[in-house]
Amino acid sequence: MKAAFIHRTGPPSEICCGELPDPIVLPRQVLVRVRACAVNPIDTYIRSGAVAMPLQFPFVVGCDLAGEVVAVGNETCRLRPGMRVWGSNQGLLGRQGTFSELAAVDERWLYRTPQNVSDRHAAASALVGMTAHLGLIDTAGLVSGETIVVNGASGGVGSAVVQIASALGARVIAIVGTAEKAERATKWGAHLTLNYHDPDLAARVLEAVPEGADVYWETQREPLFDQAVAMLAEGGRIIIMAGREARPEFPVGPFYVKGCKLFGFAMFKATSHKQEAAGIDLSRWMEQGKLAVPIDRVLSLSQTAEAHELQESNTIARSGILAGKIVVEL
């Protein structure tokens, strides 16, 4: 099979595109013919060695996939050949990745793709949708009628947070960088959009919600906690899910006096049961048109190294070069 893989960790130039043996399907695994996969920041961290993971070389890169079941192990029970599926959480914790024509995936990490949803959009929504769902429901406990501020609402995770929070019945305040991104956030369900360049950003939030927001979701790698806490209501919650090397200042006094809570989480550490529950919801929302993560560009498998370069530029160098996900189609 054709695949994008590495023989050792390092820069994007370490990614090879060539032939590898077809994977062997274990009893609880499903063999998927991959039609589309998406690039995530975690893919670049693992490839570079910035995040240490057990890797079996040659190591196929990538977490997300969407495609069609072509074979199943003799201990699977939910899926059968011919079914369309999507999934994430591959290329992690010793599992091989997804940027290959065929991928052997444990059945518990796969979910049915709705008939009216393309493989391209299912792959784009996989990891970011799962992250948003786990953070909003399992971690923050967001409920209908609450207000959430999403900082960085136009990116992959941010756009999913806006759409899922809206589907849950929350009031969404989206913080973005341009008028174009504000327009997109409004289309996704944001009730109010604000520009992060505004020096009085916290005051703008409190003008809209005098009692403060219930949840503040931070997508950026260097959180501005003074600003976040100022926006929160009594008992407000902050969600962080990025910034491994970040060491920002923290307003201890205002935080504890308000009785706020701070939560951090990593999507790939969630149990398969929690991810399956999220997968069911995400498939339903995709089918209903309530979740469609924006796609910036579609590349070929041979362009995987280029895709990693673009993702690193956007995430680490903050180039702003991407306005959505990079999808690779096979």
Protein backbone atom coordinates (compact mmCIF):
# COMPACT_ATOMS: atom_id res chain seq x y z
CA MET A 1 0.00 0.00 0.00
CA LYS A 2 1.04 3.64 -0.44
CA ALA A 3 1.67 5.52 2.79
CA ALA A 4 3.30 8.63 4.28
CA PHE A 5 5.72 7.57 7.01
CA ILE A 6 8.94 8.32 8.88
CA HIS A 7 11.96 6.21 9.79
CA ARG A 8 12.93 8.56 12.63
CA THR A 9 11.58 11.69 14.27
CA GLY A 10 12.62 15.06 12.91
CA PRO A 11 11.52 17.86 10.55
CA PRO A 12 8.83 17.49 7.87
CA SER A 13 11.51 16.44 5.39
CA GLU A 14 11.74 13.12 7.26
CA ILE A 15 8.32 12.15 5.84
CA CYS A 16 8.58 9.62 3.03
CA CYS A 17 5.81 8.71 0.63
CA GLY A 18 6.16 5.17 -0.67
CA GLU A 19 5.11 1.55 -0.41
CA LEU A 20 4.63 -0.36 2.84
CA PRO A 21 3.23 -3.85 3.43
CA ASP A 22 -0.54 -4.00 3.92
CA PRO A 23 -1.40 -4.09 7.64
CA ILE A 24 -2.33 -7.39 9.30
CA VAL A 25 -5.85 -7.27 10.78
CA LEU A 26 -6.05 -8.47 14.37
CA PRO A 27 -9.23 -10.10 15.79
CA ARG A 28 -10.73 -6.85 17.13
CA GLN A 29 -9.58 -4.66 14.28
CA VAL A 30 -11.21 -3.35 11.12
CA LEU A 31 -9.35 -2.81 7.86
CA VAL A 32 -10.30 0.56 6.41
CA ARG A 33 -9.61 1.75 2.90
CA VAL A 34 -8.73 5.33 3.71
CA ARG A 35 -10.29 7.97 1.48
CA ALA A 36 -9.41 11.08 3.47
CA CYS A 37 -7.36 12.07 6.51
CA ALA A 38 -6.65 15.39 8.22
CA VAL A 39 -3.56 17.09 9.65
CA ASN A 40 -3.51 18.16 13.30
CA PRO A 41 -0.88 19.95 15.41
CA ILE A 42 -0.35 16.77 17.45
CA ASP A 43 0.70 14.99 14.23
CA THR A 44 3.59 17.44 13.82
CA TYR A 45 4.61 17.17 17.48
CA ILE A 46 4.82 13.39 17.28
CA ARG A 47 6.65 13.44 13.94
CA SER A 48 9.20 15.95 15.27
CA GLY A 49 9.69 14.15 18.58
CA ALA A 50 8.43 17.15 20.59
CA VAL A 51 5.82 14.84 22.12
CA ALA A 52 7.37 11.51 23.01
CA MET A 53 5.29 8.52 21.96
CA PRO A 54 6.19 4.84 21.48
CA LEU A 55 6.74 4.62 17.71
CA GLN A 56 7.24 1.50 15.63
CA PHE A 57 9.26 2.42 12.54
CA PRO A 58 8.46 2.82 9.76
CA PHE A 59 5.78 4.91 11.46
CA VAL A 60 2.74 6.04 9.48
CA VAL A 61 1.80 9.61 10.47
CA GLY A 62 -1.66 10.97 11.26
CA CYS A 63 -4.57 10.65 13.69
CA ASP A 64 -7.76 11.12 11.63
CA LEU A 65 -9.32 9.07 8.87
CA ALA A 66 -12.50 8.46 6.93
CA GLY A 67 -13.15 5.69 4.45
CA GLU A 68 -14.75 2.30 3.86
CA VAL A 69 -14.48 -0.98 5.73
CA VAL A 70 -12.97 -3.69 3.53
CA ALA A 71 -12.39 -6.46 6.10
CA VAL A 72 -13.04 -7.18 9.77
CA GLY A 73 -11.39 -9.30 12.44
CA ASN A 74 -13.21 -12.34 13.80
CA GLU A 75 -13.95 -10.66 17.16
CA THR A 76 -15.58 -7.48 15.84
CA CYS A 77 -19.31 -6.98 16.30
CA ARG A 78 -20.48 -3.56 15.03
CA LEU A 79 -18.96 -3.10 11.59
CA ARG A 80 -18.89 -5.05 8.36
CA PRO A 81 -17.36 -4.64 4.89
CA GLY A 82 -18.93 -1.90 2.81
CA MET A 83 -19.74 0.41 5.73
CA ARG A 84 -18.38 3.94 5.66
CA VAL A 85 -16.60 4.96 8.84
CA TRP A 86 -14.59 7.79 10.36
CA GLY A 87 -12.33 7.92 13.37
CA SER A 88 -9.46 9.53 15.22
CA ASN A 89 -6.99 8.67 17.99
CA GLN A 90 -4.65 6.76 15.68
CA GLY A 91 -0.91 7.41 15.45
CA LEU A 92 -0.88 7.72 19.25
CA LEU A 93 0.21 5.57 22.18
CA GLY A 94 1.87 2.99 19.95
CA ARG A 95 -0.84 2.83 17.29
CA GLN A 96 0.11 3.32 13.64
CA GLY A 97 -1.26 6.39 11.89
CA THR A 98 -3.75 6.95 9.11
CA PHE A 99 -1.93 8.47 6.12
CA SER A 100 -2.02 5.24 4.14
CA GLU A 101 -4.27 3.52 1.64
CA LEU A 102 -5.18 0.91 4.25
CA ALA A 103 -5.37 1.23 8.03
CA ALA A 104 -6.03 -1.48 10.62
CA VAL A 105 -8.01 0.17 13.41
CA ASP A 106 -9.52 -1.25 16.58
CA GLU A 107 -13.29 -1.27 16.09
CA ARG A 108 -13.88 0.78 19.26
CA TRP A 109 -12.22 3.85 17.67
CA LEU A 110 -14.47 3.90 14.57
CA TYR A 111 -17.91 5.47 14.01
CA ARG A 112 -20.43 5.31 11.15
CA THR A 113 -20.24 8.09 8.59
CA PRO A 114 -23.69 9.51 7.71
CA GLN A 115 -24.73 8.96 4.10
CA ASN A 116 -24.94 12.69 3.36
CA VAL A 117 -21.48 13.48 4.79
CA SER A 118 -18.39 13.27 2.59
CA ASP A 119 -15.23 11.49 3.70
CA ARG A 120 -13.44 14.81 3.33
CA HIS A 121 -15.65 16.53 5.90
CA ALA A 122 -15.81 13.53 8.23
CA ALA A 123 -12.01 13.42 8.40
CA ALA A 124 -11.74 17.18 8.91
CA SER A 125 -14.16 17.05 11.84
CA ALA A 126 -12.69 14.00 13.57
CA LEU A 127 -10.06 15.01 16.14
CA VAL A 128 -11.21 18.62 16.51
CA GLY A 129 -14.84 17.58 16.89
CA MET A 130 -13.90 14.94 19.44
CA THR A 131 -11.82 17.49 21.36
CA ALA A 132 -14.65 20.03 21.40
CA HIS A 133 -17.21 17.45 22.52
CA LEU A 134 -15.08 16.03 25.33
CA GLY A 135 -14.13 19.50 26.53
CA LEU A 136 -17.62 20.99 26.42
CA ILE A 137 -19.63 18.07 27.78
CA ASP A 138 -17.34 15.87 29.86
CA THR A 139 -14.98 18.54 31.16
CA ALA A 140 -16.81 21.88 31.27
CA GLY A 141 -20.31 20.44 31.67
CA LEU A 142 -21.77 23.14 29.40
CA VAL A 143 -25.58 23.18 29.40
CA SER A 144 -28.29 24.96 27.46
CA GLY A 145 -28.70 28.60 28.43
CA GLU A 146 -25.12 29.13 29.57
CA THR A 147 -22.74 31.56 27.91
CA ILE A 148 -19.36 30.50 26.54
CA VAL A 149 -16.52 32.67 25.26
CA VAL A 150 -14.37 30.95 22.62
CA ASN A 151 -10.97 32.56 22.09
CA GLY A 152 -9.63 31.56 18.68
CA ALA A 153 -13.05 30.64 17.35
CA SER A 154 -12.06 30.42 13.69
CA GLY A 155 -9.56 27.53 13.91
CA GLY A 156 -10.21 23.80 13.74
CA VAL A 157 -11.01 23.22 17.41
CA GLY A 158 -12.49 26.69 17.87
CA SER A 159 -14.93 26.30 14.98
CA ALA A 160 -16.04 22.92 16.36
CA VAL A 161 -16.51 24.41 19.84
CA VAL A 162 -18.68 27.21 18.44
CA GLN A 163 -20.86 24.80 16.47
CA ILE A 164 -21.26 22.18 19.21
CA ALA A 165 -21.89 24.77 21.93
CA SER A 166 -24.57 26.28 19.70
CA ALA A 167 -26.09 22.82 19.13
CA LEU A 168 -26.20 22.36 22.91
CA GLY A 169 -28.23 25.56 23.28
CA ALA A 170 -25.49 27.78 24.73
CA ARG A 171 -24.95 31.44 23.93
CA VAL A 172 -21.63 31.74 22.11
CA ILE A 173 -19.29 34.74 22.10
CA ALA A 174 -16.59 34.17 19.48
CA ILE A 175 -13.25 35.99 19.64
CA VAL A 176 -11.53 36.17 16.25
CA GLY A 177 -8.97 38.30 14.41
CA THR A 178 -10.69 39.57 11.26
CA ALA A 179 -14.08 40.64 9.95
CA GLU A 180 -14.08 37.67 7.58
CA LYS A 181 -13.55 35.24 10.44
CA ALA A 182 -16.28 36.99 12.44
CA GLU A 183 -18.70 36.45 9.57
CA ARG A 184 -17.84 32.76 9.50
CA ALA A 185 -18.26 32.41 13.27
CA THR A 186 -21.69 34.00 13.04
CA LYS A 187 -22.62 31.51 10.34
CA TRP A 188 -21.55 28.68 12.67
CA GLY A 189 -23.87 29.90 15.41
CA ALA A 190 -22.02 32.59 17.39
CA HIS A 191 -24.39 35.14 18.93
CA LEU A 192 -21.69 37.79 19.21
CA THR A 193 -18.24 38.15 17.62
CA LEU A 194 -15.42 40.27 19.04
CA ASN A 195 -11.93 41.09 17.75
CA TYR A 196 -9.01 40.01 19.91
CA HIS A 197 -7.13 43.20 18.94
CA ASP A 198 -9.68 45.23 20.93
CA PRO A 199 -7.86 46.59 24.04
CA ASP A 200 -11.19 46.62 25.93
CA LEU A 201 -12.12 43.05 25.05
CA ALA A 202 -13.13 42.00 28.57
CA ALA A 203 -15.32 45.09 28.91
CA ARG A 204 -17.04 44.21 25.61
CA VAL A 205 -17.88 40.75 26.93
CA LEU A 206 -19.28 42.20 30.16
CA GLU A 207 -21.37 44.69 28.19
CA ALA A 208 -23.02 41.73 26.48
CA VAL A 209 -23.16 39.52 29.57
CA PRO A 210 -23.05 41.75 32.68
CA GLU A 211 -22.91 38.78 35.03
CA GLY A 212 -20.00 37.29 33.10
CA ALA A 213 -19.59 34.16 31.00
CA ASP A 214 -20.02 30.67 32.42
CA VAL A 215 -17.23 29.09 30.36
CA TYR A 216 -14.09 30.44 28.67
CA TRP A 217 -12.51 28.12 26.08
CA GLU A 218 -8.89 28.88 25.23
CA THR A 219 -7.50 27.50 21.98
CA GLN A 220 -4.29 29.54 22.00
CA ARG A 221 -0.90 28.32 23.22
CA GLU A 222 -0.25 31.38 25.46
CA PRO A 223 -3.41 32.07 27.49
CA LEU A 224 -4.11 35.57 28.81
CA PHE A 225 -5.54 34.49 32.14
CA ASP A 226 -6.09 38.02 33.47
CA GLN A 227 -8.38 38.68 30.53
CA ALA A 228 -10.12 35.31 30.79
CA VAL A 229 -10.86 35.58 34.52
CA ALA A 230 -12.16 39.13 34.05
CA MET A 231 -14.74 37.79 31.58
CA LEU A 232 -16.00 35.01 33.85
CA ALA A 233 -19.05 34.90 36.07
CA GLU A 234 -18.96 33.63 39.65
CA GLY A 235 -18.06 29.95 39.50
CA GLY A 236 -16.95 30.24 35.87
CA ARG A 237 -14.87 27.56 34.20
CA ILE A 238 -11.80 27.88 31.96
CA ILE A 239 -10.83 25.16 29.48
CA ILE A 240 -7.26 24.90 28.18
CA MET A 241 -6.05 22.31 25.66
CA ALA A 242 -2.86 23.70 24.10
CA GLY A 243 0.50 25.23 25.02
CA ARG A 244 2.76 22.47 26.30
CA GLU A 245 5.64 24.90 26.92
CA ALA A 246 3.50 27.85 28.07
CA ARG A 247 4.17 29.39 31.48
CA PRO A 248 1.82 32.41 31.58
CA GLU A 249 1.15 34.65 34.56
CA PHE A 250 -1.96 33.73 36.55
CA PRO A 251 -4.29 36.06 38.53
CA VAL A 252 -4.64 33.92 41.65
CA GLY A 253 -6.64 36.46 43.67
CA PRO A 254 -9.44 37.26 41.20
CA PHE A 255 -9.63 33.59 40.24
CA TYR A 256 -10.22 32.13 43.70
CA VAL A 257 -12.38 34.99 44.94
CA LYS A 258 -14.80 34.29 42.09
CA GLY A 259 -14.71 30.57 42.85
CA CYS A 260 -13.61 29.77 39.32
CA LYS A 261 -12.33 26.42 38.02
CA LEU A 262 -9.55 25.65 35.55
CA PHE A 263 -9.58 22.45 33.50
CA GLY A 264 -6.99 21.01 31.16
CA PHE A 265 -7.37 17.85 29.12
CA ALA A 266 -5.86 15.88 26.25
CA MET A 267 -8.38 14.31 23.89
CA PHE A 268 -6.36 11.16 23.21
CA LYS A 269 -6.37 10.21 26.91
CA ALA A 270 -10.16 9.86 27.01
CA THR A 271 -11.50 6.30 27.26
CA SER A 272 -12.94 4.57 24.23
CA HIS A 273 -16.38 4.65 25.90
CA LYS A 274 -16.30 8.45 26.23
CA GLN A 275 -15.04 8.82 22.68
CA GLU A 276 -17.71 6.48 21.35
CA ALA A 277 -20.43 8.56 23.04
CA ALA A 278 -18.90 11.65 21.47
CA GLY A 279 -18.64 9.92 18.08
CA ILE A 280 -22.36 9.13 18.09
CA ASP A 281 -23.23 12.77 18.80
CA LEU A 282 -20.76 14.08 16.23
CA SER A 283 -22.11 11.80 13.49
CA ARG A 284 -25.64 12.98 14.25
CA TRP A 285 -24.64 16.65 14.19
CA MET A 286 -22.74 16.18 10.92
CA GLU A 287 -25.78 14.48 9.40
CA GLN A 288 -28.03 17.34 10.57
CA GLY A 289 -25.67 19.97 9.17
CA LYS A 290 -24.84 21.32 12.64
CA LEU A 291 -21.14 20.45 12.43
CA ALA A 292 -18.94 21.14 9.41
CA VAL A 293 -15.38 22.06 10.32
CA PRO A 294 -13.90 24.44 7.71
CA ILE A 295 -11.33 23.06 5.28
CA ASP A 296 -8.54 25.37 4.11
CA ARG A 297 -7.09 23.10 1.44
CA VAL A 298 -7.05 19.54 0.11
CA LEU A 299 -3.72 17.93 -0.74
CA SER A 300 -2.53 14.57 -2.04
CA LEU A 301 -0.69 11.90 -0.05
CA SER A 302 2.57 12.85 -1.76
CA GLN A 303 2.19 16.36 -0.30
CA THR A 304 2.11 15.20 3.34
CA ALA A 305 5.47 16.83 4.16
CA GLU A 306 4.16 20.11 2.74
CA ALA A 307 1.01 19.73 4.84
CA HIS A 308 3.13 19.35 8.00
CA GLU A 309 5.16 22.43 7.10
CA LEU A 310 1.98 24.46 6.69
CA GLN A 311 0.54 23.18 9.96
CA GLU A 312 3.73 23.99 11.88
CA SER A 313 3.87 27.46 10.37
CA ASN A 314 0.30 28.10 11.42
CA THR A 315 0.50 26.57 14.91
CA ILE A 316 4.02 27.34 16.11
CA ALA A 317 5.02 30.38 14.05
CA ARG A 318 1.46 31.77 14.19
CA SER A 319 1.62 32.71 10.53
CA GLY A 320 -2.15 32.69 10.14
CA ILE A 321 -1.65 30.90 6.85
CA LEU A 322 -4.55 28.48 7.45
CA ALA A 323 -8.25 29.28 7.70
CA GLY A 324 -9.35 25.72 8.38
CA LYS A 325 -8.14 22.13 8.27
CA ILE A 326 -5.70 20.55 5.84
CA VAL A 327 -7.22 17.39 4.39
CA VAL A 328 -5.28 14.78 2.47
CA GLU A 329 -7.27 12.63 0.03
CA LEU A 330 -6.14 9.28 -1.29
